[in-house]
PDB file of N, CA and C in Angstrom:
ATOM      1  N   MET A   1       0.840  -1.168   0.000  1.00  0.00           N
ATOM      2  CA  MET A   1       0.000   0.000   0.000  1.00  0.00           C
ATOM      3  C   MET A   1       0.895   1.244   0.000  1.00  0.00           C
ATOM      4  N   THR A   2       0.504   2.261  -0.782  1.00  0.00           N
ATOM      5  CA  THR A   2       1.271   3.494  -0.878  1.00  0.00           C
ATOM      6  C   THR A   2       0.581   4.616  -0.116  1.00  0.00           C
ATOM      7  N   THR A   3       1.403   5.533   0.297  1.00  0.00           N
ATOM      8  CA  THR A   3       0.889   6.684   1.028  1.00  0.00           C
ATOM      9  C   THR A   3       1.304   7.953   0.274  1.00  0.00           C
ATOM     10  N   ALA A   4       0.413   8.871   0.123  1.00  0.00           N
ATOM     11  CA  ALA A   4       0.720  10.144  -0.532  1.00  0.00           C
ATOM     12  C   ALA A   4       0.354  11.279   0.407  1.00  0.00           C
ATOM     13  N   THR A   5       1.098  12.347   0.312  1.00  0.00           N
ATOM     14  CA  THR A   5       0.805  13.515   1.131  1.00  0.00           C
ATOM     15  C   THR A   5       0.588  14.731   0.235  1.00  0.00           C
ATOM     16  N   THR A   6      -0.243  15.609   0.657  1.00  0.00           N
ATOM     17  CA  THR A   6      -0.492  16.837  -0.101  1.00  0.00           C
ATOM     18  C   THR A   6       0.090  18.046   0.615  1.00  0.00           C
ATOM     19  N   ASP A   7       0.824  17.815   1.659  1.00  0.00           N
ATOM     20  CA  ASP A   7       1.446  18.906   2.411  1.00  0.00           C
ATOM     21  C   ASP A   7       2.821  19.210   1.805  1.00  0.00           C
ATOM     22  N   ILE A   8       2.810  19.873   0.646  1.00  0.00           N
ATOM     23  CA  ILE A   8       4.046  20.167  -0.070  1.00  0.00           C
ATOM     24  C   ILE A   8       4.358  21.643   0.145  1.00  0.00           C
ATOM     25  N   ARG A   9       5.546  21.923   0.558  1.00  0.00           N
ATOM     26  CA  ARG A   9       5.968  23.304   0.773  1.00  0.00           C
ATOM     27  C   ARG A   9       7.110  23.615  -0.174  1.00  0.00           C
ATOM     28  N   ALA A  10       6.943  24.680  -0.895  1.00  0.00           N
ATOM     29  CA  ALA A  10       7.991  25.080  -1.837  1.00  0.00           C
ATOM     30  C   ALA A  10       9.077  25.804  -1.066  1.00  0.00           C
ATOM     31  N   THR A  11      10.210  25.216  -1.027  1.00  0.00           N
ATOM     32  CA  THR A  11      11.348  25.871  -0.395  1.00  0.00           C
ATOM     33  C   THR A  11      12.421  26.037  -1.441  1.00  0.00           C
ATOM     34  N   SER A  12      13.064  27.129  -1.384  1.00  0.00           N
ATOM     35  CA  SER A  12      14.098  27.420  -2.350  1.00  0.00           C
ATOM     36  C   SER A  12      15.217  28.161  -1.645  1.00  0.00           C
ATOM     37  N   HIS A  13      16.376  28.082  -2.216  1.00  0.00           N
ATOM     38  CA  HIS A  13      17.495  28.828  -1.653  1.00  0.00           C
ATOM     39  C   HIS A  13      17.355  30.308  -1.960  1.00  0.00           C
ATOM     40  N   ALA A  14      16.526  30.633  -2.950  1.00  0.00           N
ATOM     41  CA  ALA A  14      16.349  32.026  -3.350  1.00  0.00           C
ATOM     42  C   ALA A  14      15.408  32.777  -2.404  1.00  0.00           C
ATOM     43  N   THR A  15      14.602  32.066  -1.645  1.00  0.00           N
ATOM     44  CA  THR A  15      13.682  32.753  -0.738  1.00  0.00           C
ATOM     45  C   THR A  15      14.423  33.202   0.499  1.00  0.00           C
ATOM     46  N   LYS A  16      14.168  34.433   0.881  1.00  0.00           N
ATOM     47  CA  LYS A  16      14.817  35.004   2.050  1.00  0.00           C
ATOM     48  C   LYS A  16      13.730  35.426   3.033  1.00  0.00           C
ATOM     49  N   PRO A  17      14.040  35.411   4.292  1.00  0.00           N
ATOM     50  CA  PRO A  17      13.039  35.893   5.246  1.00  0.00           C
ATOM     51  C   PRO A  17      12.806  37.390   5.057  1.00  0.00           C
ATOM     52  N   ARG A  18      11.588  37.803   5.261  1.00  0.00           N
ATOM     53  CA  ARG A  18      11.235  39.210   5.101  1.00  0.00           C
ATOM     54  C   ARG A  18      11.863  40.023   6.230  1.00  0.00           C
ATOM     55  N   PRO A  19      12.493  41.168   5.882  1.00  0.00           N
ATOM     56  CA  PRO A  19      13.092  41.989   6.938  1.00  0.00           C
ATOM     57  C   PRO A  19      12.020  42.560   7.862  1.00  0.00           C
ATOM     58  N   GLY A  20      12.422  42.900   9.046  1.00  0.00           N
ATOM     59  CA  GLY A  20      11.502  43.446  10.032  1.00  0.00           C
ATOM     60  C   GLY A  20      11.059  44.855   9.698  1.00  0.00           C
ATOM     61  N   PHE A  21      10.135  45.348  10.491  1.00  0.00           N
ATOM     62  CA  PHE A  21       9.557  46.675  10.259  1.00  0.00           C
ATOM     63  C   PHE A  21      10.619  47.761  10.273  1.00  0.00           C
ATOM     64  N   LEU A  22      11.492  47.754  11.257  1.00  0.00           N
ATOM     65  CA  LEU A  22      12.508  48.797  11.383  1.00  0.00           C
ATOM     66  C   LEU A  22      13.458  48.765  10.184  1.00  0.00           C
ATOM     67  N   ALA A  23      13.870  47.579   9.767  1.00  0.00           N
ATOM     68  CA  ALA A  23      14.772  47.465   8.616  1.00  0.00           C
ATOM     69  C   ALA A  23      14.106  47.995   7.353  1.00  0.00           C
ATOM     70  N   ARG A  24      12.823  47.680   7.149  1.00  0.00           N
ATOM     71  CA  ARG A  24      12.100  48.181   5.972  1.00  0.00           C
ATOM     72  C   ARG A  24      11.937  49.697   6.041  1.00  0.00           C
ATOM     73  N   ALA A  25      11.640  50.224   7.227  1.00  0.00           N
ATOM     74  CA  ALA A  25      11.451  51.662   7.393  1.00  0.00           C
ATOM     75  C   ALA A  25      12.759  52.406   7.106  1.00  0.00           C
ATOM     76  N   LEU A  26      13.857  51.903   7.637  1.00  0.00           N
ATOM     77  CA  LEU A  26      15.143  52.553   7.396  1.00  0.00           C
ATOM     78  C   LEU A  26      15.554  52.459   5.930  1.00  0.00           C
ATOM     79  N   ALA A  27      15.297  51.326   5.300  1.00  0.00           N
ATOM     80  CA  ALA A  27      15.622  51.172   3.884  1.00  0.00           C
ATOM     81  C   ALA A  27      14.818  52.172   3.046  1.00  0.00           C
ATOM     82  N   GLY A  28      13.542  52.339   3.364  1.00  0.00           N
ATOM     83  CA  GLY A  28      12.707  53.306   2.658  1.00  0.00           C
ATOM     84  C   GLY A  28      13.177  54.732   2.873  1.00  0.00           C
ATOM     85  N   PHE A  29      13.569  55.039   4.101  1.00  0.00           N
ATOM     86  CA  PHE A  29      14.065  56.373   4.443  1.00  0.00           C
ATOM     87  C   PHE A  29      15.324  56.700   3.637  1.00  0.00           C
ATOM     88  N   PHE A  30      16.277  55.780   3.623  1.00  0.00           N
ATOM     89  CA  PHE A  30      17.519  56.029   2.903  1.00  0.00           C
ATOM     90  C   PHE A  30      17.298  56.048   1.389  1.00  0.00           C
ATOM     91  N   HIS A  31      16.344  55.271   0.906  1.00  0.00           N
ATOM     92  CA  HIS A  31      16.023  55.298  -0.525  1.00  0.00           C
ATOM     93  C   HIS A  31      15.489  56.675  -0.918  1.00  0.00           C
ATOM     94  N   ARG A  32      14.629  57.243  -0.070  1.00  0.00           N
ATOM     95  CA  ARG A  32      14.086  58.575  -0.360  1.00  0.00           C
ATOM     96  C   ARG A  32      15.176  59.644  -0.328  1.00  0.00           C
ATOM     97  N   ILE A  33      16.100  59.529   0.601  1.00  0.00           N
ATOM     98  CA  ILE A  33      17.197  60.498   0.666  1.00  0.00           C
ATOM     99  C   ILE A  33      18.047  60.405  -0.595  1.00  0.00           C
ATOM    100  N   GLU A  34      18.355  59.189  -1.000  1.00  0.00           N
ATOM    101  CA  GLU A  34      19.170  58.993  -2.197  1.00  0.00           C
ATOM    102  C   GLU A  34      18.456  59.516  -3.442  1.00  0.00           C
ATOM    103  N   THR A  35      17.171  59.203  -3.574  1.00  0.00           N
ATOM    104  CA  THR A  35      16.393  59.667  -4.712  1.00  0.00           C
ATOM    105  C   THR A  35      16.310  61.187  -4.718  1.00  0.00           C
ATOM    106  N   GLY A  36      16.088  61.771  -3.559  1.00  0.00           N
ATOM    107  CA  GLY A  36      16.035  63.229  -3.467  1.00  0.00           C
ATOM    108  C   GLY A  36      17.343  63.871  -3.877  1.00  0.00           C
ATOM    109  N   GLY A  37      18.448  63.250  -3.526  1.00  0.00           N
ATOM    110  CA  GLY A  37      19.750  63.773  -3.924  1.00  0.00           C
ATOM    111  C   GLY A  37      19.942  63.748  -5.425  1.00  0.00           C
ATOM    112  N   HIS A  38      19.497  62.677  -6.055  1.00  0.00           N
ATOM    113  CA  HIS A  38      19.623  62.582  -7.506  1.00  0.00           C
ATOM    114  C   HIS A  38      18.761  63.642  -8.194  1.00  0.00           C
ATOM    115  N   PHE A  39      17.546  63.818  -7.725  1.00  0.00           N
ATOM    116  CA  PHE A  39      16.677  64.793  -8.361  1.00  0.00           C
ATOM    117  C   PHE A  39      17.100  66.218  -8.025  1.00  0.00           C
ATOM    118  N   GLY A  40      17.714  66.410  -6.862  1.00  0.00           N
ATOM    119  CA  GLY A  40      18.246  67.731  -6.535  1.00  0.00           C
ATOM    120  C   GLY A  40      19.364  68.111  -7.494  1.00  0.00           C
ATOM    121  N   ALA A  41      20.221  67.162  -7.818  1.00  0.00           N
ATOM    122  CA  ALA A  41      21.304  67.412  -8.767  1.00  0.00           C
ATOM    123  C   ALA A  41      20.737  67.699 -10.152  1.00  0.00           C
ATOM    124  N   ARG A  42      19.694  66.968 -10.535  1.00  0.00           N
ATOM    125  CA  ARG A  42      19.071  67.210 -11.837  1.00  0.00           C
ATOM    126  C   ARG A  42      18.426  68.594 -11.876  1.00  0.00           C
ATOM    127  N   ARG A  43      17.797  68.972 -10.772  1.00  0.00           N
ATOM    128  CA  ARG A  43      17.167  70.290 -10.718  1.00  0.00           C
ATOM    129  C   ARG A  43      18.217  71.391 -10.853  1.00  0.00           C
ATOM    130  N   ARG A  44      19.359  71.222 -10.181  1.00  0.00           N
ATOM    131  CA  ARG A  44      20.425  72.214 -10.291  1.00  0.00           C
ATOM    132  C   ARG A  44      20.970  72.277 -11.718  1.00  0.00           C
ATOM    133  N   ARG A  45      21.112  71.116 -12.366  1.00  0.00           N
ATOM    134  CA  ARG A  45      21.578  71.077 -13.754  1.00  0.00           C
ATOM    135  C   ARG A  45      20.569  71.769 -14.670  1.00  0.00           C
ATOM    136  N   LEU A  46      19.292  71.535 -14.428  1.00  0.00           N
ATOM    137  CA  LEU A  46      18.220  72.160 -15.208  1.00  0.00           C
ATOM    138  C   LEU A  46      18.268  73.676 -15.065  1.00  0.00           C
ATOM    139  N   GLU A  47      18.412  74.153 -13.835  1.00  0.00           N
ATOM    140  CA  GLU A  47      18.470  75.595 -13.603  1.00  0.00           C
ATOM    141  C   GLU A  47      19.708  76.216 -14.236  1.00  0.00           C
ATOM    142  N   ALA A  48      20.824  75.499 -14.186  1.00  0.00           N
ATOM    143  CA  ALA A  48      22.056  76.018 -14.788  1.00  0.00           C
ATOM    144  C   ALA A  48      21.911  76.136 -16.300  1.00  0.00           C
ATOM    145  N   LEU A  49      21.298  75.156 -16.926  1.00  0.00           N
ATOM    146  CA  LEU A  49      21.103  75.223 -18.374  1.00  0.00           C
ATOM    147  C   LEU A  49      20.096  76.298 -18.755  1.00  0.00           C
ATOM    148  N   GLU A  50      19.048  76.450 -17.949  1.00  0.00           N
ATOM    149  CA  GLU A  50      18.051  77.482 -18.248  1.00  0.00           C
ATOM    150  C   GLU A  50      18.623  78.884 -18.091  1.00  0.00           C
ATOM    151  N   ALA A  51      19.662  79.042 -17.266  1.00  0.00           N
ATOM    152  CA  ALA A  51      20.272  80.354 -17.061  1.00  0.00           C
ATOM    153  C   ALA A  51      21.180  80.748 -18.218  1.00  0.00           C
ATOM    154  N   ARG A  52      21.556  79.814 -19.072  1.00  0.00           N
ATOM    155  CA  ARG A  52      22.422  80.109 -20.214  1.00  0.00           C
ATOM    156  C   ARG A  52      21.641  80.837 -21.311  1.00  0.00           C
ATOM    157  N   THR A  53      22.398  81.527 -22.146  1.00  0.00           N
ATOM    158  CA  THR A  53      21.775  82.220 -23.274  1.00  0.00           C
ATOM    159  C   THR A  53      21.493  81.213 -24.387  1.00  0.00           C
ATOM    160  N   ASP A  54      20.656  81.633 -25.332  1.00  0.00           N
ATOM    161  CA  ASP A  54      20.345  80.763 -26.472  1.00  0.00           C
ATOM    162  C   ASP A  54      21.592  80.460 -27.291  1.00  0.00           C
ATOM    163  N   ALA A  55      22.507  81.417 -27.388  1.00  0.00           N
ATOM    164  CA  ALA A  55      23.748  81.197 -28.140  1.00  0.00           C
ATOM    165  C   ALA A  55      24.613  80.136 -27.455  1.00  0.00           C
ATOM    166  N   GLU A  56      24.697  80.191 -26.120  1.00  0.00           N
ATOM    167  CA  GLU A  56      25.477  79.185 -25.384  1.00  0.00           C
ATOM    168  C   GLU A  56      24.854  77.798 -25.537  1.00  0.00           C
ATOM    169  N   LEU A  57      23.530  77.741 -25.476  1.00  0.00           N
ATOM    170  CA  LEU A  57      22.849  76.459 -25.652  1.00  0.00           C
ATOM    171  C   LEU A  57      23.066  75.921 -27.063  1.00  0.00           C
ATOM    172  N   ALA A  58      23.030  76.794 -28.055  1.00  0.00           N
ATOM    173  CA  ALA A  58      23.247  76.372 -29.434  1.00  0.00           C
ATOM    174  C   ALA A  58      24.662  75.825 -29.607  1.00  0.00           C
ATOM    175  N   ALA A  59      25.629  76.419 -28.923  1.00  0.00           N
ATOM    176  CA  ALA A  59      27.004  75.930 -28.993  1.00  0.00           C
ATOM    177  C   ALA A  59      27.121  74.524 -28.385  1.00  0.00           C
ATOM    178  N   MET A  60      26.232  74.210 -27.457  1.00  0.00           N
ATOM    179  CA  MET A  60      26.209  72.872 -26.840  1.00  0.00           C
ATOM    180  C   MET A  60      25.354  71.900 -27.652  1.00  0.00           C
ATOM    181  N   GLY A  61      24.684  72.422 -28.679  1.00  0.00           N
ATOM    182  CA  GLY A  61      23.819  71.567 -29.486  1.00  0.00           C
ATOM    183  C   GLY A  61      22.439  71.381 -28.877  1.00  0.00           C
ATOM    184  N   LEU A  62      22.012  72.322 -28.044  1.00  0.00           N
ATOM    185  CA  LEU A  62      20.704  72.245 -27.371  1.00  0.00           C
ATOM    186  C   LEU A  62      19.833  73.418 -27.782  1.00  0.00           C
ATOM    187  N   ARG A  63      18.534  73.182 -27.748  1.00  0.00           N
ATOM    188  CA  ARG A  63      17.566  74.266 -27.868  1.00  0.00           C
ATOM    189  C   ARG A  63      16.868  74.380 -26.522  1.00  0.00           C
ATOM    190  N   ARG A  64      16.386  75.571 -26.232  1.00  0.00           N
ATOM    191  CA  ARG A  64      15.782  75.831 -24.921  1.00  0.00           C
ATOM    192  C   ARG A  64      14.630  74.866 -24.615  1.00  0.00           C
ATOM    193  N   GLU A  65      13.832  74.517 -25.617  1.00  0.00           N
ATOM    194  CA  GLU A  65      12.689  73.627 -25.371  1.00  0.00           C
ATOM    195  C   GLU A  65      13.111  72.176 -25.147  1.00  0.00           C
ATOM    196  N   ASN A  66      14.380  71.842 -25.391  1.00  0.00           N
ATOM    197  CA  ASN A  66      14.857  70.471 -25.196  1.00  0.00           C
ATOM    198  C   ASN A  66      15.682  70.288 -23.927  1.00  0.00           C
ATOM    199  N   ILE A  67      15.769  71.311 -23.100  1.00  0.00           N
ATOM    200  CA  ILE A  67      16.575  71.223 -21.878  1.00  0.00           C
ATOM    201  C   ILE A  67      16.032  70.135 -20.952  1.00  0.00           C
ATOM    202  N   MET A  68      14.742  70.104 -20.740  1.00  0.00           N
ATOM    203  CA  MET A  68      14.134  69.118 -19.834  1.00  0.00           C
ATOM    204  C   MET A  68      14.435  67.697 -20.319  1.00  0.00           C
ATOM    205  N   HIS A  69      14.260  67.466 -21.596  1.00  0.00           N
ATOM    206  CA  HIS A  69      14.551  66.144 -22.160  1.00  0.00           C
ATOM    207  C   HIS A  69      16.030  65.794 -21.984  1.00  0.00           C
ATOM    208  N   HIS A  70      16.903  66.773 -22.180  1.00  0.00           N
ATOM    209  CA  HIS A  70      18.342  66.537 -22.055  1.00  0.00           C
ATOM    210  C   HIS A  70      18.720  66.137 -20.623  1.00  0.00           C
ATOM    211  N   VAL A  71      18.148  66.805 -19.643  1.00  0.00           N
ATOM    212  CA  VAL A  71      18.490  66.532 -18.243  1.00  0.00           C
ATOM    213  C   VAL A  71      17.933  65.192 -17.773  1.00  0.00           C
ATOM    214  N   PHE A  72      16.723  64.840 -18.214  1.00  0.00           N
ATOM    215  CA  PHE A  72      16.067  63.619 -17.744  1.00  0.00           C
ATOM    216  C   PHE A  72      16.082  62.499 -18.784  1.00  0.00           C
ATOM    217  N   ARG A  73      16.946  62.569 -19.770  1.00  0.00           N
ATOM    218  CA  ARG A  73      16.933  61.625 -20.893  1.00  0.00           C
ATOM    219  C   ARG A  73      17.177  60.177 -20.477  1.00  0.00           C
ATOM    220  N   ASP A  74      17.873  59.928 -19.382  1.00  0.00           N
ATOM    221  CA  ASP A  74      18.146  58.540 -18.985  1.00  0.00           C
ATOM    222  C   ASP A  74      17.010  57.920 -18.175  1.00  0.00           C
ATOM    223  N   LEU A  75      15.985  58.676 -17.849  1.00  0.00           N
ATOM    224  CA  LEU A  75      14.881  58.140 -17.049  1.00  0.00           C
ATOM    225  C   LEU A  75      13.726  57.611 -17.878  1.00  0.00           C
ATOM    226  N   TYR A  76      13.696  57.934 -19.139  1.00  0.00           N
ATOM    227  CA  TYR A  76      12.598  57.456 -19.984  1.00  0.00           C
ATOM    228  C   TYR A  76      13.096  57.269 -21.400  1.00  0.00           C
ATOM    229  N   TYR A  77      12.345  56.532 -22.163  1.00  0.00           N
ATOM    230  CA  TYR A  77      12.687  56.275 -23.554  1.00  0.00           C
ATOM    231  C   TYR A  77      11.542  56.768 -24.417  1.00  0.00           C
ATOM    232  N   VAL A  78      11.861  57.647 -25.344  1.00  0.00           N
ATOM    233  CA  VAL A  78      10.837  58.188 -26.246  1.00  0.00           C
ATOM    234  C   VAL A  78      11.141  57.758 -27.651  1.00  0.00           C
TER     235      VAL A  78
END
C-alpha cells in the first residue's frame, strides 16, 4: 500500500526571510534620501542650463525647449 501527502511546501534557496519593520522603514528612508539627492542634482543642472543664453545652448547643441529632455533623458525612452 502506498501513502501520498499533499502537504508540499515550496522551499528554495532564493527565498529570504522578510526583513523586520525597522529594517524596511530605514531602507525606505535612505532610498528617499538617495532619490532626493539625484533629483536635486538634476534640478540644479536644469536651472544652470536654463540660465544660459540661447547662443550658449546652441554651442552645446541644445535648444531651450529640449533642456528638460536633455536633463532627464536617462529616465525614460521616447
